[in-house]
Amino acid sequence: MLSPKVSVLVPVYNAAPYLKDTIGSVLSQTQTDFELILLDDASTDQSAEIIKSFTDPRIRYYHNQDNLGISPCRNRLMELARGEYLAVLDHDDVCTPDRLAVQTAFMDNHPDISICGSRFELFTQNPQIFILKRLIINAGWIWCHPASPDLNDALKGNVVMHPTAVFRKADIITHGLKYDSSYTPAEDYDIITQALCKGLKIANLPQILLRYNLHGNNCSLRRKQQMKDADRKIKKEIAAALNLQNYKPYPYWRVIFSKLRLKYFLKV
């Protein structure tokens, strides 16, 4: 069997309200040479049934008997992948139809780049979220990362929006990059930091290639304190790698204001 150009990797846990849209957005890609690998981490809702309702032969479905957590699942997905590129996607987000085509073309034309991210747009459909807040979220807010980030940029916060990331699999294997459970729920920030510390190059494209579902039950919102603790730990390690003697944490509100923009004021 020929290997696909790209493997789309989706860890799944109790994602029944979002899975149809997420899977549908992958199956609707203009780049058709892909496999979609879904790993269900012992969900207790209807996630398995929803996945099995899709009959596309490009879907590969796996199920954990016990709940292992996000980092082991992400590592297992990378092991299962057969593609040249590994496209990360969370179980509640939605790709634009051209996401895989744009990012794989960029990676093909830039063999020095190991990880490619993009801009993304916030949205919510949760009726339980106060209507004014829904209107604000859906107003066209775009998250923008540096085009060519380095460790100094990473000291301020994660430099790639993880569910927009595409990894060059050969570089992941060569440099032994893995997700580390001790950094969960900031395991994405850690693996990007690992890549930068090993000298790998990262690029963020100016296109909006993902819609991020801010539904209120996102992991970053549910596990705020763990996120802050892991984030602080990673920043201290980056500061040590940069030999900074008097490092002071970069305020998160400054990160927000430096990266969040309204679509109407961006060239996209």
C-alpha atoms as a PDB file:
ATOM      1  CA  MET A   1       0.000   0.000   0.000  1.00  0.00           C
ATOM      2  CA  LEU A   2       1.325   3.420  -0.966  1.00  0.00           C
ATOM      3  CA  SER A   3       1.936   5.840   1.867  1.00  0.00           C
ATOM      4  CA  PRO A   4      -0.303   8.937   1.866  1.00  0.00           C
ATOM      5  CA  LYS A   5       1.163  12.396   1.499  1.00  0.00           C
ATOM      6  CA  VAL A   6      -0.117  13.483   4.907  1.00  0.00           C
ATOM      7  CA  SER A   7      -1.485  11.843   8.036  1.00  0.00           C
ATOM      8  CA  VAL A   8      -4.103  13.859   9.927  1.00  0.00           C
ATOM      9  CA  LEU A   9      -3.842  12.962  13.614  1.00  0.00           C
ATOM     10  CA  VAL A  10      -6.868  13.418  15.870  1.00  0.00           C
ATOM     11  CA  PRO A  11      -6.923  12.328  19.536  1.00  0.00           C
ATOM     12  CA  VAL A  12     -10.539  11.889  20.643  1.00  0.00           C
ATOM     13  CA  TYR A  13     -12.054  12.027  24.107  1.00  0.00           C
ATOM     14  CA  ASN A  14     -15.762  12.655  24.729  1.00  0.00           C
ATOM     15  CA  ALA A  15     -16.052  14.793  21.615  1.00  0.00           C
ATOM     16  CA  ALA A  16     -19.512  13.772  20.409  1.00  0.00           C
ATOM     17  CA  PRO A  17     -20.849  17.355  20.014  1.00  0.00           C
ATOM     18  CA  TYR A  18     -18.000  18.342  17.683  1.00  0.00           C
ATOM     19  CA  LEU A  19     -16.735  15.250  15.862  1.00  0.00           C
ATOM     20  CA  LYS A  20     -19.001  15.327  12.804  1.00  0.00           C
ATOM     21  CA  ASP A  21     -17.860  18.822  11.866  1.00  0.00           C
ATOM     22  CA  THR A  22     -14.204  18.042  12.596  1.00  0.00           C
ATOM     23  CA  ILE A  23     -14.158  14.831  10.559  1.00  0.00           C
ATOM     24  CA  GLY A  24     -16.227  16.397   7.797  1.00  0.00           C
ATOM     25  CA  SER A  25     -13.753  19.261   7.455  1.00  0.00           C
ATOM     26  CA  VAL A  26     -10.945  16.761   6.818  1.00  0.00           C
ATOM     27  CA  LEU A  27     -12.903  14.657   4.333  1.00  0.00           C
ATOM     28  CA  SER A  28     -13.737  17.869   2.410  1.00  0.00           C
ATOM     29  CA  GLN A  29     -10.091  18.804   1.820  1.00  0.00           C
ATOM     30  CA  THR A  30      -9.004  19.790  -1.689  1.00  0.00           C
ATOM     31  CA  GLN A  31      -5.819  17.804  -1.012  1.00  0.00           C
ATOM     32  CA  THR A  32      -7.191  14.263  -1.209  1.00  0.00           C
ATOM     33  CA  ASP A  33      -3.989  12.278  -0.638  1.00  0.00           C
ATOM     34  CA  PHE A  34      -4.256  11.809   3.118  1.00  0.00           C
ATOM     35  CA  GLU A  35      -5.171   9.393   5.864  1.00  0.00           C
ATOM     36  CA  LEU A  36      -7.252  10.448   8.845  1.00  0.00           C
ATOM     37  CA  ILE A  37      -6.246   8.630  12.029  1.00  0.00           C
ATOM     38  CA  LEU A  38      -8.607   8.925  15.000  1.00  0.00           C
ATOM     39  CA  LEU A  39      -7.570   7.507  18.371  1.00  0.00           C
ATOM     40  CA  ASP A  40     -10.411   7.301  20.885  1.00  0.00           C
ATOM     41  CA  ASP A  41      -9.006   7.537  24.407  1.00  0.00           C
ATOM     42  CA  ALA A  42     -11.735   5.437  26.091  1.00  0.00           C
ATOM     43  CA  SER A  43     -14.534   7.955  25.568  1.00  0.00           C
ATOM     44  CA  THR A  44     -17.714   7.449  27.578  1.00  0.00           C
ATOM     45  CA  ASP A  45     -20.028   9.295  25.164  1.00  0.00           C
ATOM     46  CA  GLN A  46     -21.081   8.559  21.565  1.00  0.00           C
ATOM     47  CA  SER A  47     -17.718   9.430  20.003  1.00  0.00           C
ATOM     48  CA  ALA A  48     -17.036   5.880  18.800  1.00  0.00           C
ATOM     49  CA  GLU A  49     -20.439   5.581  17.144  1.00  0.00           C
ATOM     50  CA  ILE A  50     -19.997   8.904  15.354  1.00  0.00           C
ATOM     51  CA  ILE A  51     -16.579   7.908  14.021  1.00  0.00           C
ATOM     52  CA  LYS A  52     -17.879   4.530  12.825  1.00  0.00           C
ATOM     53  CA  SER A  53     -20.736   6.239  10.973  1.00  0.00           C
ATOM     54  CA  PHE A  54     -18.174   7.523   8.433  1.00  0.00           C
ATOM     55  CA  THR A  55     -17.238   4.986   5.769  1.00  0.00           C
ATOM     56  CA  ASP A  56     -14.460   6.835   3.945  1.00  0.00           C
ATOM     57  CA  PRO A  57     -11.571   4.354   3.379  1.00  0.00           C
ATOM     58  CA  ARG A  58      -9.018   7.022   4.299  1.00  0.00           C
ATOM     59  CA  ILE A  59     -10.182   6.875   7.933  1.00  0.00           C
ATOM     60  CA  ARG A  60      -8.242   4.671  10.358  1.00  0.00           C
ATOM     61  CA  TYR A  61      -9.889   4.248  13.756  1.00  0.00           C
ATOM     62  CA  TYR A  62      -8.243   3.029  16.986  1.00  0.00           C
ATOM     63  CA  HIS A  63      -9.617   2.747  20.511  1.00  0.00           C
ATOM     64  CA  ASN A  64      -7.858   2.663  23.887  1.00  0.00           C
ATOM     65  CA  GLN A  65      -9.367   0.294  26.443  1.00  0.00           C
ATOM     66  CA  ASP A  66      -8.178   2.611  29.223  1.00  0.00           C
ATOM     67  CA  ASN A  67      -7.879   6.383  29.288  1.00  0.00           C
ATOM     68  CA  LEU A  68      -4.174   7.147  28.753  1.00  0.00           C
ATOM     69  CA  GLY A  69      -4.228  10.935  28.493  1.00  0.00           C
ATOM     70  CA  ILE A  70      -3.438  13.330  25.693  1.00  0.00           C
ATOM     71  CA  SER A  71       0.365  13.022  25.456  1.00  0.00           C
ATOM     72  CA  PRO A  72       0.489   9.194  25.118  1.00  0.00           C
ATOM     73  CA  CYS A  73      -2.303   9.455  22.546  1.00  0.00           C
ATOM     74  CA  ARG A  74      -0.440  12.035  20.499  1.00  0.00           C
ATOM     75  CA  ASN A  75       2.702   9.872  20.565  1.00  0.00           C
ATOM     76  CA  ARG A  76       0.725   6.796  19.526  1.00  0.00           C
ATOM     77  CA  LEU A  77      -0.839   8.697  16.645  1.00  0.00           C
ATOM     78  CA  MET A  78       2.611   9.697  15.381  1.00  0.00           C
ATOM     79  CA  GLU A  79       3.703   6.056  15.564  1.00  0.00           C
ATOM     80  CA  LEU A  80       0.658   4.941  13.569  1.00  0.00           C
ATOM     81  CA  ALA A  81       1.110   7.586  10.865  1.00  0.00           C
ATOM     82  CA  ARG A  82       2.354   6.544   7.434  1.00  0.00           C
ATOM     83  CA  GLY A  83       2.423   9.969   5.809  1.00  0.00           C
ATOM     84  CA  GLU A  84       5.369  12.148   4.861  1.00  0.00           C
ATOM     85  CA  TYR A  85       3.750  14.942   6.865  1.00  0.00           C
ATOM     86  CA  LEU A  86       1.847  14.826  10.155  1.00  0.00           C
ATOM     87  CA  ALA A  87      -1.037  17.280  10.431  1.00  0.00           C
ATOM     88  CA  VAL A  88      -2.257  17.885  13.962  1.00  0.00           C
ATOM     89  CA  LEU A  89      -5.960  18.469  14.568  1.00  0.00           C
ATOM     90  CA  ASP A  90      -7.967  18.556  17.793  1.00  0.00           C
ATOM     91  CA  HIS A  91     -11.311  16.782  18.034  1.00  0.00           C
ATOM     92  CA  ASP A  92     -13.333  20.002  18.253  1.00  0.00           C
ATOM     93  CA  ASP A  93     -11.759  22.233  15.600  1.00  0.00           C
ATOM     94  CA  VAL A  94     -12.512  22.679  11.894  1.00  0.00           C
ATOM     95  CA  CYS A  95     -10.046  22.877   8.985  1.00  0.00           C
ATOM     96  CA  THR A  96     -10.611  25.173   6.048  1.00  0.00           C
ATOM     97  CA  PRO A  97     -10.975  23.163   2.797  1.00  0.00           C
ATOM     98  CA  ASP A  98      -7.513  24.180   1.546  1.00  0.00           C
ATOM     99  CA  ARG A  99      -5.586  23.608   4.761  1.00  0.00           C
ATOM    100  CA  LEU A 100      -3.712  20.440   3.741  1.00  0.00           C
ATOM    101  CA  ALA A 101      -3.103  21.648   0.188  1.00  0.00           C
ATOM    102  CA  VAL A 102      -1.596  24.954   1.333  1.00  0.00           C
ATOM    103  CA  GLN A 103       0.610  23.518   4.067  1.00  0.00           C
ATOM    104  CA  THR A 104       1.910  20.478   2.176  1.00  0.00           C
ATOM    105  CA  ALA A 105       2.744  22.650  -0.840  1.00  0.00           C
ATOM    106  CA  PHE A 106       4.647  25.029   1.419  1.00  0.00           C
ATOM    107  CA  MET A 107       6.553  22.174   3.054  1.00  0.00           C
ATOM    108  CA  ASP A 108       7.382  20.657  -0.347  1.00  0.00           C
ATOM    109  CA  ASN A 109       8.817  24.006  -1.467  1.00  0.00           C
ATOM    110  CA  HIS A 110      10.689  24.661   1.785  1.00  0.00           C
ATOM    111  CA  PRO A 111      12.583  21.483   2.751  1.00  0.00           C
ATOM    112  CA  ASP A 112      14.436  23.381   5.489  1.00  0.00           C
ATOM    113  CA  ILE A 113      11.181  23.875   7.444  1.00  0.00           C
ATOM    114  CA  SER A 114      10.314  21.138   9.943  1.00  0.00           C
ATOM    115  CA  ILE A 115       7.051  22.531  11.349  1.00  0.00           C
ATOM    116  CA  CYS A 116       4.457  24.686   9.601  1.00  0.00           C
ATOM    117  CA  GLY A 117       1.617  26.455  11.397  1.00  0.00           C
ATOM    118  CA  SER A 118      -0.924  29.043  10.319  1.00  0.00           C
ATOM    119  CA  ARG A 119      -3.327  31.675  11.561  1.00  0.00           C
ATOM    120  CA  PHE A 120      -6.693  30.591  12.913  1.00  0.00           C
ATOM    121  CA  GLU A 121     -10.089  32.113  13.550  1.00  0.00           C
ATOM    122  CA  LEU A 122     -12.046  31.868  16.791  1.00  0.00           C
ATOM    123  CA  PHE A 123     -15.702  30.860  16.741  1.00  0.00           C
ATOM    124  CA  THR A 124     -18.339  29.441  19.066  1.00  0.00           C
ATOM    125  CA  GLN A 125     -21.727  27.798  18.579  1.00  0.00           C
ATOM    126  CA  ASN A 126     -22.409  27.013  22.224  1.00  0.00           C
ATOM    127  CA  PRO A 127     -25.862  28.444  23.089  1.00  0.00           C
ATOM    128  CA  GLN A 128     -24.969  28.344  26.791  1.00  0.00           C
ATOM    129  CA  ILE A 129     -22.359  31.032  26.281  1.00  0.00           C
ATOM    130  CA  PHE A 130     -23.817  34.484  26.950  1.00  0.00           C
ATOM    131  CA  ILE A 131     -24.983  35.999  23.645  1.00  0.00           C
ATOM    132  CA  LEU A 132     -22.805  39.120  23.920  1.00  0.00           C
ATOM    133  CA  LYS A 133     -19.756  36.941  24.482  1.00  0.00           C
ATOM    134  CA  ARG A 134     -20.734  34.795  21.476  1.00  0.00           C
ATOM    135  CA  LEU A 135     -20.985  37.902  19.330  1.00  0.00           C
ATOM    136  CA  ILE A 136     -17.558  39.092  20.473  1.00  0.00           C
ATOM    137  CA  ILE A 137     -15.940  35.675  19.855  1.00  0.00           C
ATOM    138  CA  ASN A 138     -17.557  35.385  16.418  1.00  0.00           C
ATOM    139  CA  ALA A 139     -16.564  38.901  15.366  1.00  0.00           C
ATOM    140  CA  GLY A 140     -13.611  37.648  13.310  1.00  0.00           C
ATOM    141  CA  TRP A 141     -10.766  37.420  15.831  1.00  0.00           C
ATOM    142  CA  ILE A 142      -7.616  35.920  14.321  1.00  0.00           C
ATOM    143  CA  TRP A 143      -4.672  34.497  16.247  1.00  0.00           C
ATOM    144  CA  CYS A 144      -1.362  35.465  14.606  1.00  0.00           C
ATOM    145  CA  HIS A 145       2.044  33.959  15.432  1.00  0.00           C
ATOM    146  CA  PRO A 146       5.494  35.152  14.257  1.00  0.00           C
ATOM    147  CA  ALA A 147       6.307  34.089  10.696  1.00  0.00           C
ATOM    148  CA  SER A 148       9.718  32.626  11.614  1.00  0.00           C
ATOM    149  CA  PRO A 149       9.749  32.143  15.397  1.00  0.00           C
ATOM    150  CA  ASP A 150      12.835  31.399  17.470  1.00  0.00           C
ATOM    151  CA  LEU A 151      13.533  30.631  21.138  1.00  0.00           C
ATOM    152  CA  ASN A 152      13.290  34.298  22.085  1.00  0.00           C
ATOM    153  CA  ASP A 153       9.755  34.355  20.707  1.00  0.00           C
ATOM    154  CA  ALA A 154       8.961  31.099  22.530  1.00  0.00           C
ATOM    155  CA  LEU A 155       9.981  32.716  25.813  1.00  0.00           C
ATOM    156  CA  LYS A 156       6.794  34.799  25.522  1.00  0.00           C
ATOM    157  CA  GLY A 157       4.562  31.798  24.830  1.00  0.00           C
ATOM    158  CA  ASN A 158       3.938  28.973  22.408  1.00  0.00           C
ATOM    159  CA  VAL A 159       4.828  30.088  18.879  1.00  0.00           C
ATOM    160  CA  VAL A 160       2.611  27.644  16.945  1.00  0.00           C
ATOM    161  CA  MET A 161      -1.121  27.153  17.311  1.00  0.00           C
ATOM    162  CA  HIS A 162      -0.937  23.410  17.784  1.00  0.00           C
ATOM    163  CA  PRO A 163      -3.999  22.216  15.823  1.00  0.00           C
ATOM    164  CA  THR A 164      -2.657  24.147  12.811  1.00  0.00           C
ATOM    165  CA  ALA A 165       0.731  22.404  12.962  1.00  0.00           C
ATOM    166  CA  VAL A 166       2.111  20.177  10.219  1.00  0.00           C
ATOM    167  CA  PHE A 167       5.293  18.256  11.123  1.00  0.00           C
ATOM    168  CA  ARG A 168       7.830  16.797   8.707  1.00  0.00           C
ATOM    169  CA  LYS A 169       7.797  13.206   9.948  1.00  0.00           C
ATOM    170  CA  ALA A 170      11.426  12.469   9.021  1.00  0.00           C
ATOM    171  CA  ASP A 171      12.606  15.361  11.216  1.00  0.00           C
ATOM    172  CA  ILE A 172      10.434  14.224  14.122  1.00  0.00           C
ATOM    173  CA  ILE A 173      12.008  10.763  13.944  1.00  0.00           C
ATOM    174  CA  THR A 174      15.575  12.002  13.414  1.00  0.00           C
ATOM    175  CA  HIS A 175      15.454  14.333  16.411  1.00  0.00           C
ATOM    176  CA  GLY A 176      13.376  12.050  18.644  1.00  0.00           C
ATOM    177  CA  LEU A 177      10.615  14.552  19.347  1.00  0.00           C
ATOM    178  CA  LYS A 178       7.853  13.218  21.593  1.00  0.00           C
ATOM    179  CA  TYR A 179       5.064  14.638  23.710  1.00  0.00           C
ATOM    180  CA  ASP A 180       5.903  14.625  27.421  1.00  0.00           C
ATOM    181  CA  SER A 181       3.088  13.903  29.894  1.00  0.00           C
ATOM    182  CA  SER A 182       4.823  15.915  32.603  1.00  0.00           C
ATOM    183  CA  TYR A 183       3.972  19.084  30.651  1.00  0.00           C
ATOM    184  CA  THR A 184       0.305  18.270  29.992  1.00  0.00           C
ATOM    185  CA  PRO A 185      -1.860  20.262  29.235  1.00  0.00           C
ATOM    186  CA  ALA A 186       0.949  22.345  27.684  1.00  0.00           C
ATOM    187  CA  GLU A 187       2.521  19.346  25.931  1.00  0.00           C
ATOM    188  CA  ASP A 188       2.142  21.204  22.629  1.00  0.00           C
ATOM    189  CA  TYR A 189       4.225  24.151  23.884  1.00  0.00           C
ATOM    190  CA  ASP A 190       6.876  21.710  25.092  1.00  0.00           C
ATOM    191  CA  ILE A 191       7.268  19.789  21.821  1.00  0.00           C
ATOM    192  CA  ILE A 192       7.591  23.047  19.881  1.00  0.00           C
ATOM    193  CA  THR A 193      10.237  24.169  22.385  1.00  0.00           C
ATOM    194  CA  GLN A 194      12.040  20.842  21.937  1.00  0.00           C
ATOM    195  CA  ALA A 195      12.129  21.462  18.196  1.00  0.00           C
ATOM    196  CA  LEU A 196      13.558  24.966  18.576  1.00  0.00           C
ATOM    197  CA  CYS A 197      16.178  23.785  21.068  1.00  0.00           C
ATOM    198  CA  LYS A 198      17.310  21.206  18.498  1.00  0.00           C
ATOM    199  CA  GLY A 199      17.687  23.911  15.859  1.00  0.00           C
ATOM    200  CA  LEU A 200      14.662  22.976  13.758  1.00  0.00           C
ATOM    201  CA  LYS A 201      13.046  25.727  11.700  1.00  0.00           C
ATOM    202  CA  ILE A 202       9.392  26.704  12.093  1.00  0.00           C
ATOM    203  CA  ALA A 203       7.191  28.783   9.805  1.00  0.00           C
ATOM    204  CA  ASN A 204       3.725  30.235  10.388  1.00  0.00           C
ATOM    205  CA  LEU A 205       1.704  31.018   7.271  1.00  0.00           C
ATOM    206  CA  PRO A 206      -0.441  34.175   7.069  1.00  0.00           C
ATOM    207  CA  GLN A 207      -3.479  32.248   5.799  1.00  0.00           C
ATOM    208  CA  ILE A 208      -6.378  31.301   8.077  1.00  0.00           C
ATOM    209  CA  LEU A 209      -6.418  27.500   7.803  1.00  0.00           C
ATOM    210  CA  LEU A 210      -8.343  26.536  10.936  1.00  0.00           C
ATOM    211  CA  ARG A 211     -11.430  27.585  12.868  1.00  0.00           C
ATOM    212  CA  TYR A 212     -10.858  27.148  16.614  1.00  0.00           C
ATOM    213  CA  ASN A 213     -14.009  26.146  18.492  1.00  0.00           C
ATOM    214  CA  LEU A 214     -14.088  28.137  21.737  1.00  0.00           C
ATOM    215  CA  HIS A 215     -17.017  26.225  23.244  1.00  0.00           C
ATOM    216  CA  GLY A 216     -16.163  26.749  26.916  1.00  0.00           C
ATOM    217  CA  ASN A 217     -15.101  23.186  27.667  1.00  0.00           C
ATOM    218  CA  ASN A 218     -11.676  23.492  26.053  1.00  0.00           C
ATOM    219  CA  CYS A 219      -8.826  21.813  27.906  1.00  0.00           C
ATOM    220  CA  SER A 220      -6.966  25.107  28.315  1.00  0.00           C
ATOM    221  CA  LEU A 221     -10.011  26.531  30.091  1.00  0.00           C
ATOM    222  CA  ARG A 222     -10.843  23.480  32.207  1.00  0.00           C
ATOM    223  CA  ARG A 223      -7.278  23.009  33.462  1.00  0.00           C
ATOM    224  CA  LYS A 224      -6.162  26.596  33.885  1.00  0.00           C
ATOM    225  CA  GLN A 225      -3.905  26.083  36.883  1.00  0.00           C
ATOM    226  CA  GLN A 226      -2.136  23.072  35.386  1.00  0.00           C
ATOM    227  CA  MET A 227      -1.713  25.032  32.188  1.00  0.00           C
ATOM    228  CA  LYS A 228      -0.170  27.959  34.071  1.00  0.00           C
ATOM    229  CA  ASP A 229       2.180  25.684  36.000  1.00  0.00           C
ATOM    230  CA  ALA A 230       3.381  23.858  32.891  1.00  0.00           C
ATOM    231  CA  ASP A 231       3.676  27.112  30.970  1.00  0.00           C
ATOM    232  CA  ARG A 232       5.815  28.628  33.735  1.00  0.00           C
ATOM    233  CA  LYS A 233       8.051  25.532  33.821  1.00  0.00           C
ATOM    234  CA  ILE A 234       8.673  25.639  30.071  1.00  0.00           C
ATOM    235  CA  LYS A 235       9.485  29.349  30.120  1.00  0.00           C
ATOM    236  CA  LYS A 236      12.065  28.806  32.882  1.00  0.00           C
ATOM    237  CA  GLU A 237      13.706  26.087  30.792  1.00  0.00           C
ATOM    238  CA  ILE A 238      13.805  28.345  27.736  1.00  0.00           C
ATOM    239  CA  ALA A 239      15.332  31.143  29.821  1.00  0.00           C
ATOM    240  CA  ALA A 240      18.006  28.709  31.029  1.00  0.00           C
ATOM    241  CA  ALA A 241      18.709  27.608  27.434  1.00  0.00           C
ATOM    242  CA  LEU A 242      19.151  31.281  26.479  1.00  0.00           C
ATOM    243  CA  ASN A 243      21.410  31.860  29.527  1.00  0.00           C
ATOM    244  CA  LEU A 244      19.158  34.604  30.865  1.00  0.00           C
ATOM    245  CA  GLN A 245      20.149  35.407  34.436  1.00  0.00           C
ATOM    246  CA  ASN A 246      17.344  37.772  35.448  1.00  0.00           C
ATOM    247  CA  TYR A 247      14.364  36.353  33.617  1.00  0.00           C
ATOM    248  CA  LYS A 248      10.919  37.710  34.462  1.00  0.00           C
ATOM    249  CA  PRO A 249       7.835  35.950  33.067  1.00  0.00           C
ATOM    250  CA  TYR A 250       6.246  37.698  30.106  1.00  0.00           C
ATOM    251  CA  PRO A 251       2.692  38.785  31.082  1.00  0.00           C
ATOM    252  CA  TYR A 252       0.081  36.646  29.354  1.00  0.00           C
ATOM    253  CA  TRP A 253      -2.148  39.634  28.617  1.00  0.00           C
ATOM    254  CA  ARG A 254       0.684  41.055  26.512  1.00  0.00           C
ATOM    255  CA  VAL A 255       0.843  37.806  24.567  1.00  0.00           C
ATOM    256  CA  ILE A 256      -2.890  38.077  23.863  1.00  0.00           C
ATOM    257  CA  PHE A 257      -2.697  41.684  22.696  1.00  0.00           C
ATOM    258  CA  SER A 258       0.356  41.025  20.530  1.00  0.00           C
ATOM    259  CA  LYS A 259      -1.225  38.112  18.641  1.00  0.00           C
ATOM    260  CA  LEU A 260      -4.992  38.635  18.516  1.00  0.00           C
ATOM    261  CA  ARG A 261      -6.236  40.733  15.609  1.00  0.00           C
ATOM    262  CA  LEU A 262      -9.547  41.380  13.876  1.00  0.00           C
ATOM    263  CA  LYS A 263      -9.710  39.813  10.430  1.00  0.00           C
ATOM    264  CA  TYR A 264     -10.915  43.062   8.917  1.00  0.00           C
ATOM    265  CA  PHE A 265      -7.548  44.689   9.691  1.00  0.00           C
ATOM    266  CA  LEU A 266      -5.421  41.858   8.321  1.00  0.00           C
ATOM    267  CA  LYS A 267      -4.366  41.020   4.792  1.00  0.00           C
ATOM    268  CA  VAL A 268      -5.562  37.416   4.578  1.00  0.00           C
END
